[in-house]
Amino acid sequence: MALVLWILAVILVVSGIVSLVRGQILWGAVLIIVGLLVGPGGVSLFT
């Protein structure tokens, strides 16, 4: 389960960075924050 959370967190953070580069600042920030919360190092939403 931890591997799935890591993959999901990486995908969210990378897509957030891409959104920031494209100029969608709010959406990018939301994706990055959610990615950090979902990751096993953060406050996991699934535990």
PDB file of N, CA and C in Angstrom:
ATOM      1  N   MET A   1       0.827  -1.198   0.000  1.00  0.00           N
ATOM      2  CA  MET A   1       0.000   0.000   0.000  1.00  0.00           C
ATOM      3  C   MET A   1       0.868   1.258   0.000  1.00  0.00           C
ATOM      4  N   ALA A   2       2.013   1.186   0.687  1.00  0.00           N
ATOM      5  CA  ALA A   2       2.900   2.352   0.747  1.00  0.00           C
ATOM      6  C   ALA A   2       3.433   2.701  -0.637  1.00  0.00           C
ATOM      7  N   LEU A   3       3.706   1.697  -1.451  1.00  0.00           N
ATOM      8  CA  LEU A   3       4.205   1.949  -2.805  1.00  0.00           C
ATOM      9  C   LEU A   3       3.154   2.667  -3.643  1.00  0.00           C
ATOM     10  N   VAL A   4       1.898   2.259  -3.510  1.00  0.00           N
ATOM     11  CA  VAL A   4       0.818   2.910  -4.252  1.00  0.00           C
ATOM     12  C   VAL A   4       0.685   4.373  -3.822  1.00  0.00           C
ATOM     13  N   LEU A   5       0.804   4.637  -2.517  1.00  0.00           N
ATOM     14  CA  LEU A   5       0.722   6.010  -2.023  1.00  0.00           C
ATOM     15  C   LEU A   5       1.872   6.857  -2.541  1.00  0.00           C
ATOM     16  N   TRP A   6       3.073   6.286  -2.583  1.00  0.00           N
ATOM     17  CA  TRP A   6       4.222   7.017  -3.114  1.00  0.00           C
ATOM     18  C   TRP A   6       4.012   7.364  -4.579  1.00  0.00           C
ATOM     19  N   ILE A   7       3.541   6.403  -5.363  1.00  0.00           N
ATOM     20  CA  ILE A   7       3.322   6.642  -6.792  1.00  0.00           C
ATOM     21  C   ILE A   7       2.257   7.718  -6.984  1.00  0.00           C
ATOM     22  N   LEU A   8       1.174   7.635  -6.236  1.00  0.00           N
ATOM     23  CA  LEU A   8       0.112   8.627  -6.327  1.00  0.00           C
ATOM     24  C   LEU A   8       0.621  10.011  -5.929  1.00  0.00           C
ATOM     25  N   ALA A   9       1.404  10.076  -4.877  1.00  0.00           N
ATOM     26  CA  ALA A   9       1.945  11.357  -4.419  1.00  0.00           C
ATOM     27  C   ALA A   9       2.882  11.958  -5.462  1.00  0.00           C
ATOM     28  N   VAL A  10       3.725  11.135  -6.066  1.00  0.00           N
ATOM     29  CA  VAL A  10       4.654  11.628  -7.091  1.00  0.00           C
ATOM     30  C   VAL A  10       3.890  12.156  -8.297  1.00  0.00           C
ATOM     31  N   ILE A  11       2.860  11.426  -8.718  1.00  0.00           N
ATOM     32  CA  ILE A  11       2.065  11.866  -9.864  1.00  0.00           C
ATOM     33  C   ILE A  11       1.385  13.202  -9.565  1.00  0.00           C
ATOM     34  N   LEU A  12       0.835  13.356  -8.365  1.00  0.00           N
ATOM     35  CA  LEU A  12       0.158  14.600  -8.004  1.00  0.00           C
ATOM     36  C   LEU A  12       1.130  15.776  -7.952  1.00  0.00           C
ATOM     37  N   VAL A  13       2.301  15.553  -7.364  1.00  0.00           N
ATOM     38  CA  VAL A  13       3.266  16.648  -7.243  1.00  0.00           C
ATOM     39  C   VAL A  13       3.810  17.041  -8.612  1.00  0.00           C
ATOM     40  N   VAL A  14       4.117  16.055  -9.454  1.00  0.00           N
ATOM     41  CA  VAL A  14       4.633  16.363 -10.789  1.00  0.00           C
ATOM     42  C   VAL A  14       3.583  17.104 -11.609  1.00  0.00           C
ATOM     43  N   SER A  15       2.337  16.662 -11.553  1.00  0.00           N
ATOM     44  CA  SER A  15       1.305  17.359 -12.305  1.00  0.00           C
ATOM     45  C   SER A  15       1.053  18.756 -11.723  1.00  0.00           C
ATOM     46  N   GLY A  16       1.247  18.924 -10.434  1.00  0.00           N
ATOM     47  CA  GLY A  16       1.146  20.256  -9.839  1.00  0.00           C
ATOM     48  C   GLY A  16       2.243  21.181 -10.328  1.00  0.00           C
ATOM     49  N   ILE A  17       3.462  20.662 -10.448  1.00  0.00           N
ATOM     50  CA  ILE A  17       4.576  21.467 -10.962  1.00  0.00           C
ATOM     51  C   ILE A  17       4.334  21.842 -12.417  1.00  0.00           C
ATOM     52  N   VAL A  18       3.822  20.886 -13.199  1.00  0.00           N
ATOM     53  CA  VAL A  18       3.512  21.186 -14.600  1.00  0.00           C
ATOM     54  C   VAL A  18       2.437  22.262 -14.684  1.00  0.00           C
ATOM     55  N   SER A  19       1.448  22.206 -13.824  1.00  0.00           N
ATOM     56  CA  SER A  19       0.397  23.229 -13.820  1.00  0.00           C
ATOM     57  C   SER A  19       0.970  24.594 -13.454  1.00  0.00           C
ATOM     58  N   LEU A  20       1.897  24.626 -12.502  1.00  0.00           N
ATOM     59  CA  LEU A  20       2.520  25.901 -12.141  1.00  0.00           C
ATOM     60  C   LEU A  20       3.281  26.491 -13.322  1.00  0.00           C
ATOM     61  N   VAL A  21       4.001  25.641 -14.048  1.00  0.00           N
ATOM     62  CA  VAL A  21       4.771  26.108 -15.200  1.00  0.00           C
ATOM     63  C   VAL A  21       3.834  26.651 -16.286  1.00  0.00           C
ATOM     64  N   ARG A  22       2.669  26.036 -16.432  1.00  0.00           N
ATOM     65  CA  ARG A  22       1.712  26.461 -17.465  1.00  0.00           C
ATOM     66  C   ARG A  22       0.929  27.702 -17.049  1.00  0.00           C
ATOM     67  N   GLY A  23       1.110  28.170 -15.822  1.00  0.00           N
ATOM     68  CA  GLY A  23       0.463  29.398 -15.378  1.00  0.00           C
ATOM     69  C   GLY A  23      -0.775  29.196 -14.534  1.00  0.00           C
ATOM     70  N   GLN A  24      -1.133  27.963 -14.249  1.00  0.00           N
ATOM     71  CA  GLN A  24      -2.310  27.691 -13.409  1.00  0.00           C
ATOM     72  C   GLN A  24      -1.841  27.554 -11.960  1.00  0.00           C
ATOM     73  N   ILE A  25      -1.631  28.702 -11.321  1.00  0.00           N
ATOM     74  CA  ILE A  25      -0.969  28.729 -10.019  1.00  0.00           C
ATOM     75  C   ILE A  25      -1.814  28.067  -8.936  1.00  0.00           C
ATOM     76  N   LEU A  26      -3.091  28.398  -8.884  1.00  0.00           N
ATOM     77  CA  LEU A  26      -3.947  27.854  -7.823  1.00  0.00           C
ATOM     78  C   LEU A  26      -4.086  26.342  -7.945  1.00  0.00           C
ATOM     79  N   TRP A  27      -4.377  25.857  -9.150  1.00  0.00           N
ATOM     80  CA  TRP A  27      -4.545  24.419  -9.373  1.00  0.00           C
ATOM     81  C   TRP A  27      -3.239  23.685  -9.086  1.00  0.00           C
ATOM     82  N   GLY A  28      -2.107  24.251  -9.498  1.00  0.00           N
ATOM     83  CA  GLY A  28      -0.811  23.626  -9.240  1.00  0.00           C
ATOM     84  C   GLY A  28      -0.521  23.530  -7.757  1.00  0.00           C
ATOM     85  N   ALA A  29      -0.824  24.601  -7.018  1.00  0.00           N
ATOM     86  CA  ALA A  29      -0.589  24.588  -5.573  1.00  0.00           C
ATOM     87  C   ALA A  29      -1.471  23.552  -4.884  1.00  0.00           C
ATOM     88  N   VAL A  30      -2.729  23.448  -5.320  1.00  0.00           N
ATOM     89  CA  VAL A  30      -3.637  22.459  -4.727  1.00  0.00           C
ATOM     90  C   VAL A  30      -3.114  21.042  -4.981  1.00  0.00           C
ATOM     91  N   LEU A  31      -2.674  20.762  -6.200  1.00  0.00           N
ATOM     92  CA  LEU A  31      -2.165  19.423  -6.515  1.00  0.00           C
ATOM     93  C   LEU A  31      -0.923  19.086  -5.697  1.00  0.00           C
ATOM     94  N   ILE A  32      -0.033  20.046  -5.533  1.00  0.00           N
ATOM     95  CA  ILE A  32       1.183  19.803  -4.759  1.00  0.00           C
ATOM     96  C   ILE A  32       0.844  19.538  -3.294  1.00  0.00           C
ATOM     97  N   ILE A  33      -0.057  20.329  -2.726  1.00  0.00           N
ATOM     98  CA  ILE A  33      -0.426  20.143  -1.317  1.00  0.00           C
ATOM     99  C   ILE A  33      -1.100  18.793  -1.113  1.00  0.00           C
ATOM    100  N   VAL A  34      -2.013  18.430  -2.007  1.00  0.00           N
ATOM    101  CA  VAL A  34      -2.679  17.129  -1.888  1.00  0.00           C
ATOM    102  C   VAL A  34      -1.663  15.995  -2.054  1.00  0.00           C
ATOM    103  N   GLY A  35      -0.718  16.158  -2.981  1.00  0.00           N
ATOM    104  CA  GLY A  35       0.325  15.139  -3.160  1.00  0.00           C
ATOM    105  C   GLY A  35       1.170  14.962  -1.916  1.00  0.00           C
ATOM    106  N   LEU A  36       1.473  16.053  -1.235  1.00  0.00           N
ATOM    107  CA  LEU A  36       2.259  15.955  -0.006  1.00  0.00           C
ATOM    108  C   LEU A  36       1.441  15.344   1.130  1.00  0.00           C
ATOM    109  N   LEU A  37       0.141  15.573   1.137  1.00  0.00           N
ATOM    110  CA  LEU A  37      -0.701  14.981   2.179  1.00  0.00           C
ATOM    111  C   LEU A  37      -0.913  13.486   1.971  1.00  0.00           C
ATOM    112  N   VAL A  38      -0.997  13.067   0.707  1.00  0.00           N
ATOM    113  CA  VAL A  38      -1.286  11.660   0.411  1.00  0.00           C
ATOM    114  C   VAL A  38      -0.058  10.794   0.621  1.00  0.00           C
ATOM    115  N   GLY A  39       1.113  11.337   0.380  1.00  0.00           N
ATOM    116  CA  GLY A  39       2.346  10.543   0.458  1.00  0.00           C
ATOM    117  C   GLY A  39       2.554   9.937   1.826  1.00  0.00           C
ATOM    118  N   PRO A  40       3.247   8.817   1.876  1.00  0.00           N
ATOM    119  CA  PRO A  40       3.482   8.129   3.150  1.00  0.00           C
ATOM    120  C   PRO A  40       4.243   8.981   4.159  1.00  0.00           C
ATOM    121  N   GLY A  41       5.034   9.940   3.688  1.00  0.00           N
ATOM    122  CA  GLY A  41       5.761  10.823   4.598  1.00  0.00           C
ATOM    123  C   GLY A  41       4.873  11.903   5.178  1.00  0.00           C
ATOM    124  N   GLY A  42       3.726  12.142   4.560  1.00  0.00           N
ATOM    125  CA  GLY A  42       2.812  13.190   5.026  1.00  0.00           C
ATOM    126  C   GLY A  42       1.698  12.626   5.866  1.00  0.00           C
ATOM    127  N   VAL A  43       0.653  13.375   5.994  1.00  0.00           N
ATOM    128  CA  VAL A  43      -0.529  12.925   6.723  1.00  0.00           C
ATOM    129  C   VAL A  43      -1.379  12.129   5.746  1.00  0.00           C
ATOM    130  N   SER A  44      -1.276  10.829   5.814  1.00  0.00           N
ATOM    131  CA  SER A  44      -1.974   9.988   4.833  1.00  0.00           C
ATOM    132  C   SER A  44      -3.475  10.034   5.062  1.00  0.00           C
ATOM    133  N   LEU A  45      -4.207  10.189   3.987  1.00  0.00           N
ATOM    134  CA  LEU A  45      -5.659  10.237   4.067  1.00  0.00           C
ATOM    135  C   LEU A  45      -6.271   8.849   4.232  1.00  0.00           C
ATOM    136  N   PHE A  46      -5.469   7.807   4.030  1.00  0.00           N
ATOM    137  CA  PHE A  46      -5.994   6.441   4.049  1.00  0.00           C
ATOM    138  C   PHE A  46      -5.729   5.702   5.349  1.00  0.00           C
ATOM    139  N   THR A  47      -5.083   6.354   6.334  1.00  0.00           N
ATOM    140  CA  THR A  47      -4.813   5.660   7.602  1.00  0.00           C
ATOM    141  C   THR A  47      -5.502   6.374   8.740  1.00  0.00           C
TER     142      THR A  47
END
